[in-house]
Every structure is written in structure tokens, then in C-alpha cells.
Amino acid sequence: MRVTKVLLPLLAAPLFTAACAQADGPGDRSPDASAVTIGGGRGLAAAEVAPFADELSELTEQLRAPLGRALVVSPVDCFEGLPPELEAGYLIGAVGDSAGEVERIMADAGEQVMFTAPVTIVCTD
């Protein structure tokens, strides 16, 4: 029984990380390692949330150039601090140092913001 309690968390962690990493499909971009802050706060401005990542493909292409390295397309499970009604699915938006920064980035890109939240990113590439 004790072995199960130790091994289960060790086996679950890679599966969770792999699930978050698989959010990026061909052509999708997520923040690079320098933009990911495990255990630290970041600002997130979400443009859209969808049940499946491929439903965000067109918007991803539209926002790739204007958002650059701030662009994020990830499962909602990869963030702590999102509105509680977001229990599943994928989001697209911008990640930066503060809510003000990402709101400005989204405005400069001409994209409406669905919501802004201070988040902790819990998945890595």
C-alpha cells in the first residue's frame, strides 16, 4: 500500500505535464521557458476559450505575429488563478508580467479581451 502512495504521484506528474505540453499543435506557440514562471505570478489576458485546441487554430494564426512571444495556447489546467467557471478546455491569449501589460498587448493587436487574471503557470514545455 505504501509503495502505491509513493509511486502514484510520481507517475501522475509526467502525465499531467505531458497533457499540458500537448496543447501546442503544429504552428501553435506557447511562452518560452523565460516567460514561464512556476510558482510565480503572471498576467494573462484571454481572447477565447474552446473545448478543443484545434478550434483556436484560426485565431492562433491571426495573433501569432502581433502577440509574438506573449502568445499562449494552452489547456486551462495549465493555469492557477483562472475564473472558477473555466473547468476544462483550451484558451488563447497573451501572458506577460502584469494584467496591464497583457491588456495593452491585446489592445495593440486589435483583439478583444474575454477576461484578465493574475495566474501561475503550472505546465512547462
C-alpha atoms as a PDB file:
ATOM      1  CA  MET A   1       0.000   0.000   0.000  1.00  0.00           C
ATOM      2  CA  ARG A   2       2.802   2.420   0.872  1.00  0.00           C
ATOM      3  CA  VAL A   3       4.512   1.805  -2.480  1.00  0.00           C
ATOM      4  CA  THR A   4       1.296   2.753  -4.298  1.00  0.00           C
ATOM      5  CA  LYS A   5       1.070   6.050  -2.401  1.00  0.00           C
ATOM      6  CA  VAL A   6       4.628   6.937  -3.390  1.00  0.00           C
ATOM      7  CA  LEU A   7       4.549   5.710  -6.996  1.00  0.00           C
ATOM      8  CA  LEU A   8       1.164   7.142  -7.965  1.00  0.00           C
ATOM      9  CA  PRO A   9       2.209  10.817  -7.569  1.00  0.00           C
ATOM     10  CA  LEU A  10       5.497  10.097  -9.347  1.00  0.00           C
ATOM     11  CA  LEU A  11       3.645   8.548 -12.286  1.00  0.00           C
ATOM     12  CA  ALA A  12       0.922  11.206 -12.393  1.00  0.00           C
ATOM     13  CA  ALA A  13       3.275  14.216 -12.595  1.00  0.00           C
ATOM     14  CA  PRO A  14       4.742  13.319 -16.029  1.00  0.00           C
ATOM     15  CA  LEU A  15       1.264  12.557 -17.377  1.00  0.00           C
ATOM     16  CA  PHE A  16      -0.037  15.955 -16.237  1.00  0.00           C
ATOM     17  CA  THR A  17       2.976  17.740 -17.720  1.00  0.00           C
ATOM     18  CA  ALA A  18       2.623  15.805 -20.973  1.00  0.00           C
ATOM     19  CA  ALA A  19      -1.061  16.719 -21.204  1.00  0.00           C
ATOM     20  CA  CYS A  20      -0.233  20.394 -20.862  1.00  0.00           C
ATOM     21  CA  ALA A  21       2.617  20.191 -23.342  1.00  0.00           C
ATOM     22  CA  GLN A  22       0.365  18.541 -25.930  1.00  0.00           C
ATOM     23  CA  ALA A  23      -1.770  21.679 -26.118  1.00  0.00           C
ATOM     24  CA  ASP A  24       0.610  23.020 -28.713  1.00  0.00           C
ATOM     25  CA  GLY A  25      -0.068  21.611 -32.120  1.00  0.00           C
ATOM     26  CA  PRO A  26       1.839  22.299 -35.286  1.00  0.00           C
ATOM     27  CA  GLY A  27       2.202  26.023 -35.616  1.00  0.00           C
ATOM     28  CA  ASP A  28       0.935  26.801 -32.105  1.00  0.00           C
ATOM     29  CA  ARG A  29       3.276  28.706 -29.838  1.00  0.00           C
ATOM     30  CA  SER A  30       3.451  28.888 -26.094  1.00  0.00           C
ATOM     31  CA  PRO A  31       5.578  31.152 -23.969  1.00  0.00           C
ATOM     32  CA  ASP A  32       9.233  30.167 -23.974  1.00  0.00           C
ATOM     33  CA  ALA A  33      10.906  28.950 -20.796  1.00  0.00           C
ATOM     34  CA  SER A  34      11.875  32.506 -19.821  1.00  0.00           C
ATOM     35  CA  ALA A  35       8.205  33.525 -19.853  1.00  0.00           C
ATOM     36  CA  VAL A  36       7.011  30.572 -17.758  1.00  0.00           C
ATOM     37  CA  THR A  37       7.018  31.184 -14.036  1.00  0.00           C
ATOM     38  CA  ILE A  38       6.390  28.149 -11.897  1.00  0.00           C
ATOM     39  CA  GLY A  39       5.059  29.305  -8.544  1.00  0.00           C
ATOM     40  CA  GLY A  40       5.204  32.986  -9.516  1.00  0.00           C
ATOM     41  CA  GLY A  41       2.532  35.310 -10.794  1.00  0.00           C
ATOM     42  CA  ARG A  42       1.982  36.377 -14.390  1.00  0.00           C
ATOM     43  CA  GLY A  43      -0.718  38.395 -16.071  1.00  0.00           C
ATOM     44  CA  LEU A  44      -2.995  36.594 -18.525  1.00  0.00           C
ATOM     45  CA  ALA A  45      -5.428  38.214 -20.932  1.00  0.00           C
ATOM     46  CA  ALA A  46      -7.573  35.574 -22.627  1.00  0.00           C
ATOM     47  CA  ALA A  47      -9.129  36.204 -26.020  1.00  0.00           C
ATOM     48  CA  GLU A  48     -11.108  32.981 -26.333  1.00  0.00           C
ATOM     49  CA  VAL A  49     -11.741  29.633 -24.638  1.00  0.00           C
ATOM     50  CA  ALA A  50     -12.730  26.497 -26.558  1.00  0.00           C
ATOM     51  CA  PRO A  51     -13.331  22.828 -25.740  1.00  0.00           C
ATOM     52  CA  PHE A  52     -10.614  21.718 -28.198  1.00  0.00           C
ATOM     53  CA  ALA A  53      -7.287  23.319 -29.160  1.00  0.00           C
ATOM     54  CA  ASP A  54      -7.923  22.947 -32.898  1.00  0.00           C
ATOM     55  CA  GLU A  55     -10.915  25.276 -32.563  1.00  0.00           C
ATOM     56  CA  LEU A  56      -8.394  28.044 -31.797  1.00  0.00           C
ATOM     57  CA  SER A  57      -6.217  27.449 -34.895  1.00  0.00           C
ATOM     58  CA  GLU A  58      -7.561  30.344 -36.961  1.00  0.00           C
ATOM     59  CA  LEU A  59      -7.238  32.832 -34.107  1.00  0.00           C
ATOM     60  CA  THR A  60      -3.755  31.478 -33.351  1.00  0.00           C
ATOM     61  CA  GLU A  61      -2.661  32.322 -36.890  1.00  0.00           C
ATOM     62  CA  GLN A  62      -4.200  35.808 -36.624  1.00  0.00           C
ATOM     63  CA  LEU A  63      -2.459  36.553 -33.318  1.00  0.00           C
ATOM     64  CA  ARG A  64       0.910  34.884 -33.975  1.00  0.00           C
ATOM     65  CA  ALA A  65       2.637  37.979 -35.380  1.00  0.00           C
ATOM     66  CA  PRO A  66       1.036  40.717 -33.266  1.00  0.00           C
ATOM     67  CA  LEU A  67       1.444  38.867 -29.944  1.00  0.00           C
ATOM     68  CA  GLY A  68       4.790  37.197 -30.678  1.00  0.00           C
ATOM     69  CA  ARG A  69       6.310  35.599 -27.588  1.00  0.00           C
ATOM     70  CA  ALA A  70       3.363  36.687 -25.431  1.00  0.00           C
ATOM     71  CA  LEU A  71       1.011  34.338 -27.342  1.00  0.00           C
ATOM     72  CA  VAL A  72      -0.201  31.370 -25.333  1.00  0.00           C
ATOM     73  CA  VAL A  73      -2.465  28.487 -26.415  1.00  0.00           C
ATOM     74  CA  SER A  74      -2.793  26.021 -23.538  1.00  0.00           C
ATOM     75  CA  PRO A  75      -5.212  23.859 -21.594  1.00  0.00           C
ATOM     76  CA  VAL A  76      -6.946  25.782 -18.822  1.00  0.00           C
ATOM     77  CA  ASP A  77      -5.495  23.172 -16.441  1.00  0.00           C
ATOM     78  CA  CYS A  78      -2.078  24.751 -17.018  1.00  0.00           C
ATOM     79  CA  PHE A  79      -3.066  27.858 -15.038  1.00  0.00           C
ATOM     80  CA  GLU A  80      -3.929  28.535 -11.433  1.00  0.00           C
ATOM     81  CA  GLY A  81      -5.997  31.650 -10.813  1.00  0.00           C
ATOM     82  CA  LEU A  82      -8.447  31.431 -13.710  1.00  0.00           C
ATOM     83  CA  PRO A  83     -12.131  32.199 -13.171  1.00  0.00           C
ATOM     84  CA  PRO A  84     -13.728  29.176 -11.453  1.00  0.00           C
ATOM     85  CA  GLU A  85     -16.196  28.525 -14.294  1.00  0.00           C
ATOM     86  CA  LEU A  86     -13.291  27.528 -16.570  1.00  0.00           C
ATOM     87  CA  GLU A  87     -13.040  23.885 -15.631  1.00  0.00           C
ATOM     88  CA  ALA A  88     -11.908  22.407 -18.960  1.00  0.00           C
ATOM     89  CA  GLY A  89     -10.835  23.309 -22.457  1.00  0.00           C
ATOM     90  CA  TYR A  90      -8.132  25.447 -24.006  1.00  0.00           C
ATOM     91  CA  LEU A  91      -7.509  29.159 -24.018  1.00  0.00           C
ATOM     92  CA  ILE A  92      -5.700  31.571 -26.281  1.00  0.00           C
ATOM     93  CA  GLY A  93      -4.365  34.887 -25.139  1.00  0.00           C
ATOM     94  CA  ALA A  94      -1.308  36.779 -24.003  1.00  0.00           C
ATOM     95  CA  VAL A  95       0.945  36.233 -20.994  1.00  0.00           C
ATOM     96  CA  GLY A  96       3.103  38.973 -19.513  1.00  0.00           C
ATOM     97  CA  ASP A  97       4.402  40.478 -16.313  1.00  0.00           C
ATOM     98  CA  SER A  98       1.128  42.147 -15.347  1.00  0.00           C
ATOM     99  CA  ALA A  99      -2.538  42.441 -16.241  1.00  0.00           C
ATOM    100  CA  GLY A 100      -1.925  45.946 -17.545  1.00  0.00           C
ATOM    101  CA  GLU A 101       0.853  44.774 -19.847  1.00  0.00           C
ATOM    102  CA  VAL A 102      -1.186  41.959 -21.406  1.00  0.00           C
ATOM    103  CA  GLU A 103      -4.262  44.167 -21.811  1.00  0.00           C
ATOM    104  CA  ARG A 104      -2.088  46.673 -23.706  1.00  0.00           C
ATOM    105  CA  ILE A 105      -0.572  43.909 -25.866  1.00  0.00           C
ATOM    106  CA  MET A 106      -4.027  42.614 -26.748  1.00  0.00           C
ATOM    107  CA  ALA A 107      -5.324  46.121 -27.490  1.00  0.00           C
ATOM    108  CA  ASP A 108      -2.316  46.769 -29.747  1.00  0.00           C
ATOM    109  CA  ALA A 109      -3.157  43.516 -31.581  1.00  0.00           C
ATOM    110  CA  GLY A 110      -6.758  44.703 -32.030  1.00  0.00           C
ATOM    111  CA  GLU A 111      -8.130  41.735 -30.085  1.00  0.00           C
ATOM    112  CA  GLN A 112     -10.969  41.826 -27.551  1.00  0.00           C
ATOM    113  CA  VAL A 113     -10.126  40.527 -24.068  1.00  0.00           C
ATOM    114  CA  MET A 114     -12.543  37.935 -22.675  1.00  0.00           C
ATOM    115  CA  PHE A 115     -11.006  38.187 -19.184  1.00  0.00           C
ATOM    116  CA  THR A 116      -7.779  39.162 -17.458  1.00  0.00           C
ATOM    117  CA  ALA A 117      -6.385  37.286 -14.470  1.00  0.00           C
ATOM    118  CA  PRO A 118      -3.237  37.047 -12.378  1.00  0.00           C
ATOM    119  CA  VAL A 119      -2.156  33.432 -12.880  1.00  0.00           C
ATOM    120  CA  THR A 120       0.508  30.918 -12.022  1.00  0.00           C
ATOM    121  CA  ILE A 121       1.572  28.736 -14.930  1.00  0.00           C
ATOM    122  CA  VAL A 122       1.855  25.127 -13.778  1.00  0.00           C
ATOM    123  CA  CYS A 123       2.850  23.447 -17.065  1.00  0.00           C
ATOM    124  CA  THR A 124       6.115  23.707 -18.946  1.00  0.00           C
ATOM    125  CA  ASP A 125       7.164  22.872 -22.488  1.00  0.00           C
END
